[in-house]
Amino acid sequence: MKQVFRRALAMGVVLSSLASAAWSEDFDPDSATFDPDSKFVITPFGAIIGDPAQVIDLSTDRIGFTYCSTFPDKNRGMLLMASIVIPAQDGAEGGGHSMMLSVDQARNFIAFLRKGPEWADVASENKVGLFSKPIGDVIGSEGEAEHLSIKFVSDEQSNGSVRIEHVLGGVTKAFELGINPAVKFAAQAEHALETALALTPESAPEEDAEKSKLFE
């Protein structure tokens, strides 16, 4: 599993030499729109594969970019690997983090990320100021060995953001996304997941397999 993530991480950073290619695109860090046809985008840190959302690694304040891939597991079915690629910056080497999600977990992850705009509107209208509240648990619950949760956070001016917190083996990794990038990450994850399920319907949950029979 670690080797799979390292390959994905390498794909995200190796493209820096291709920045002048005709099929690259300029990157908008606040965009909510995911383009599945984008090969890579140009960022201040070089070219990043696909059309990622921008995040902040809260443990280092470094900028990262999202990357999603899928692969089948004989025990869990199709898995979504939702990753954060951290390019080398500020004199530090690059790195990253990945979250392995079953189909049901992935769909919850996507749904929770998409709640950001609604929660942000409520926070702004009510001028809540500094505020933090869980949107939902994706894996486990607080206190368990692995806990992945999505939270809504607003600052003193009631400007909202979405936070991903992943606790694994006693280590917590936290990443913050603006409201629009959170929506984009959801779209990126959904596209990767649903494309994989369409190509390998046998890896889908049972209810999805039943639905697919309607189109045979």
Protein backbone atom coordinates (compact mmCIF):
# COMPACT_ATOMS: atom_id res chain seq x y z
CA MET A 1 0.00 0.00 0.00
CA LYS A 2 2.86 2.35 0.80
CA GLN A 3 4.42 1.60 -2.58
CA VAL A 4 1.16 2.51 -4.30
CA PHE A 5 1.09 5.85 -2.51
CA ARG A 6 4.72 6.56 -3.31
CA ARG A 7 3.98 6.00 -6.99
CA ALA A 8 1.06 8.41 -6.81
CA LEU A 9 3.20 10.94 -4.98
CA ALA A 10 5.94 10.65 -7.58
CA MET A 11 3.43 11.22 -10.37
CA GLY A 12 2.39 14.44 -8.67
CA VAL A 13 5.88 15.93 -8.49
CA VAL A 14 7.76 14.45 -11.45
CA LEU A 15 5.80 16.52 -13.94
CA SER A 16 7.66 19.71 -13.08
CA SER A 17 9.75 19.32 -16.23
CA LEU A 18 6.63 19.37 -18.42
CA ALA A 19 5.43 22.82 -17.43
CA SER A 20 5.67 24.17 -20.97
CA ALA A 21 3.53 21.45 -22.58
CA ALA A 22 0.60 22.68 -24.66
CA TRP A 23 -1.95 20.65 -22.71
CA SER A 24 -1.11 22.13 -19.30
CA GLU A 25 -3.36 24.66 -17.60
CA ASP A 26 -2.84 27.56 -15.23
CA PHE A 27 -3.95 26.73 -11.70
CA ASP A 28 -6.65 28.64 -9.79
CA PRO A 29 -6.18 27.79 -6.08
CA ASP A 30 -9.72 28.94 -5.20
CA SER A 31 -11.59 27.12 -7.95
CA ALA A 32 -14.55 24.88 -7.08
CA THR A 33 -14.64 23.29 -10.54
CA PHE A 34 -12.87 20.01 -11.29
CA ASP A 35 -11.85 19.28 -14.88
CA PRO A 36 -11.46 15.52 -15.41
CA ASP A 37 -9.80 16.11 -18.78
CA SER A 38 -6.96 18.22 -17.36
CA LYS A 39 -3.61 16.43 -17.68
CA PHE A 40 -1.82 18.67 -15.19
CA VAL A 41 -1.81 22.23 -13.90
CA ILE A 42 0.97 24.75 -13.40
CA THR A 43 1.53 25.90 -9.81
CA PRO A 44 4.27 27.97 -8.13
CA PHE A 45 5.83 24.60 -7.20
CA GLY A 46 5.86 23.18 -10.71
CA ALA A 47 3.35 21.04 -12.56
CA ILE A 48 0.94 18.84 -10.61
CA ILE A 49 -0.84 15.93 -12.25
CA GLY A 50 -4.55 16.20 -13.00
CA ASP A 51 -6.66 19.07 -11.70
CA PRO A 52 -6.04 19.13 -7.93
CA ALA A 53 -7.51 21.16 -5.11
CA GLN A 54 -5.12 23.19 -2.97
CA VAL A 55 -4.79 22.44 0.75
CA ILE A 56 -2.66 23.55 3.69
CA ASP A 57 -0.85 21.02 5.86
CA LEU A 58 -1.63 22.43 9.31
CA SER A 59 1.37 20.74 10.93
CA THR A 60 3.84 22.62 8.71
CA ASP A 61 1.79 25.41 7.06
CA ARG A 62 3.03 24.10 3.72
CA ILE A 63 0.83 24.01 0.63
CA GLY A 64 -0.28 20.70 -0.79
CA PHE A 65 -2.43 19.39 -3.62
CA THR A 66 -4.99 16.62 -3.81
CA TYR A 67 -4.67 13.46 -5.87
CA CYS A 68 -7.13 10.56 -6.13
CA SER A 69 -6.67 7.04 -7.44
CA THR A 70 -8.41 3.70 -7.01
CA PHE A 71 -7.57 0.02 -6.88
CA PRO A 72 -9.51 -3.16 -6.07
CA ASP A 73 -8.95 -5.05 -2.84
CA LYS A 74 -10.01 -8.70 -2.62
CA ASN A 75 -11.46 -8.20 0.86
CA ARG A 76 -12.85 -4.66 0.77
CA GLY A 77 -13.76 -4.24 -2.89
CA MET A 78 -12.86 -1.03 -4.67
CA LEU A 79 -10.80 1.40 -2.60
CA LEU A 80 -10.32 5.11 -3.11
CA MET A 81 -6.93 6.49 -2.16
CA ALA A 82 -7.48 10.18 -1.42
CA SER A 83 -4.04 11.73 -1.17
CA ILE A 84 -2.36 15.01 -0.34
CA VAL A 85 0.87 15.67 -2.24
CA ILE A 86 3.21 18.18 -0.57
CA PRO A 87 5.79 19.51 -3.07
CA ALA A 88 9.26 20.48 -1.89
CA GLN A 89 9.13 24.06 -0.59
CA ASP A 90 10.72 26.41 1.95
CA GLY A 91 13.87 24.30 1.97
CA ALA A 92 11.98 21.17 3.02
CA GLU A 93 11.64 17.97 1.02
CA GLY A 94 8.31 16.97 -0.46
CA GLY A 95 6.02 14.46 1.17
CA GLY A 96 2.40 13.54 1.44
CA HIS A 97 -0.38 11.65 3.12
CA SER A 98 -3.02 9.19 1.96
CA MET A 99 -6.41 8.00 3.20
CA MET A 100 -7.68 4.58 2.12
CA LEU A 101 -11.47 4.52 1.80
CA SER A 102 -14.01 1.84 0.97
CA VAL A 103 -16.79 2.79 -1.44
CA ASP A 104 -19.22 3.69 1.35
CA GLN A 105 -16.55 5.63 3.25
CA ALA A 106 -15.54 7.44 0.07
CA ARG A 107 -19.11 8.49 -0.62
CA ASN A 108 -19.44 9.85 2.92
CA PHE A 109 -16.13 11.66 2.50
CA ILE A 110 -17.43 13.27 -0.70
CA ALA A 111 -20.79 14.20 0.84
CA PHE A 112 -19.20 15.79 3.91
CA LEU A 113 -16.80 17.89 1.82
CA ARG A 114 -19.78 19.17 -0.16
CA LYS A 115 -21.51 20.44 2.96
CA GLY A 116 -18.90 23.20 3.28
CA PRO A 117 -20.75 25.91 1.27
CA GLU A 118 -23.99 25.41 3.19
CA TRP A 119 -22.25 25.59 6.54
CA ALA A 120 -20.22 28.61 5.42
CA ASP A 121 -23.39 30.49 4.47
CA VAL A 122 -24.93 29.80 7.88
CA ALA A 123 -21.74 30.87 9.67
CA SER A 124 -21.55 34.11 7.70
CA GLU A 125 -25.23 34.96 8.13
CA ASN A 126 -25.08 34.37 11.88
CA LYS A 127 -21.62 35.94 12.36
CA VAL A 128 -20.48 33.01 14.48
CA GLY A 129 -16.85 34.16 14.65
CA LEU A 130 -14.34 31.55 15.83
CA PHE A 131 -16.17 28.27 15.51
CA SER A 132 -15.46 24.60 14.88
CA LYS A 133 -17.88 21.71 14.52
CA PRO A 134 -17.63 18.19 13.08
CA ILE A 135 -19.49 17.65 9.83
CA GLY A 136 -19.12 13.89 10.04
CA ASP A 137 -16.94 10.85 10.70
CA VAL A 138 -15.65 8.98 7.66
CA ILE A 139 -13.65 6.26 9.42
CA GLY A 140 -14.18 5.25 13.04
CA SER A 141 -14.94 7.72 15.79
CA GLU A 142 -13.00 9.84 18.25
CA GLY A 143 -10.71 7.73 20.41
CA GLU A 144 -10.44 4.81 18.00
CA ALA A 145 -7.13 3.64 16.50
CA GLU A 146 -8.08 5.17 13.15
CA HIS A 147 -10.37 8.15 12.92
CA LEU A 148 -10.95 10.23 9.81
CA SER A 149 -13.29 13.18 10.20
CA ILE A 150 -14.38 16.26 8.29
CA LYS A 151 -14.87 19.49 10.25
CA PHE A 152 -16.14 22.96 9.52
CA VAL A 153 -14.08 25.84 10.90
CA SER A 154 -14.69 29.59 10.77
CA ASP A 155 -12.32 32.42 11.68
CA GLU A 156 -12.93 35.63 13.62
CA GLN A 157 -14.55 37.19 10.54
CA SER A 158 -16.84 34.15 10.18
CA ASN A 159 -15.06 33.05 7.00
CA GLY A 160 -15.47 29.30 6.67
CA SER A 161 -13.11 26.51 5.72
CA VAL A 162 -13.11 22.72 5.79
CA ARG A 163 -10.65 20.65 7.81
CA ILE A 164 -9.70 17.02 7.24
CA GLU A 165 -8.33 15.30 10.35
CA HIS A 166 -6.88 11.80 10.14
CA VAL A 167 -5.69 10.00 13.26
CA LEU A 168 -3.78 6.78 12.64
CA GLY A 169 -1.47 4.99 15.04
CA GLY A 170 -1.59 7.87 17.50
CA VAL A 171 -0.46 10.41 14.90
CA THR A 172 -2.80 13.17 13.74
CA LYS A 173 -2.56 14.76 10.31
CA ALA A 174 -4.74 17.78 9.62
CA PHE A 175 -5.34 19.63 6.37
CA GLU A 176 -7.36 22.76 5.70
CA LEU A 177 -9.18 23.61 2.48
CA GLY A 178 -11.09 26.68 1.45
CA ILE A 179 -14.78 26.13 0.77
CA ASN A 180 -14.32 26.03 -3.01
CA PRO A 181 -11.29 23.70 -2.95
CA ALA A 182 -13.23 21.33 -0.66
CA VAL A 183 -15.99 21.13 -3.28
CA LYS A 184 -13.36 20.53 -5.96
CA PHE A 185 -11.72 17.75 -3.93
CA ALA A 186 -15.14 16.11 -3.59
CA ALA A 187 -15.63 16.21 -7.36
CA GLN A 188 -12.13 14.84 -7.98
CA ALA A 189 -12.72 11.96 -5.56
CA GLU A 190 -16.16 11.22 -6.98
CA HIS A 191 -14.85 11.12 -10.54
CA ALA A 192 -12.06 8.70 -9.63
CA LEU A 193 -14.40 6.44 -7.66
CA GLU A 194 -17.33 6.32 -10.05
CA THR A 195 -15.07 5.86 -13.08
CA ALA A 196 -13.41 2.87 -11.42
CA LEU A 197 -16.75 1.36 -10.41
CA ALA A 198 -18.11 1.75 -13.92
CA LEU A 199 -15.10 -0.12 -15.32
CA THR A 200 -15.17 -2.85 -12.66
CA PRO A 201 -18.78 -3.23 -11.46
CA GLU A 202 -17.88 -6.43 -9.61
CA SER A 203 -15.95 -4.24 -7.14
CA ALA A 204 -19.01 -2.15 -6.30
CA PRO A 205 -21.17 -2.67 -3.19
CA GLU A 206 -24.00 -5.16 -3.66
CA GLU A 207 -26.67 -2.47 -4.11
CA ASP A 208 -24.60 -0.86 -6.89
CA ALA A 209 -24.23 -4.21 -8.63
CA GLU A 210 -28.00 -4.64 -8.59
CA LYS A 211 -28.50 -1.21 -10.13
CA SER A 212 -25.98 -1.95 -12.88
CA LYS A 213 -28.06 -4.93 -14.04
CA LEU A 214 -30.75 -2.51 -15.16
CA PHE A 215 -28.44 -1.34 -17.94
CA GLU A 216 -27.36 -4.76 -19.21
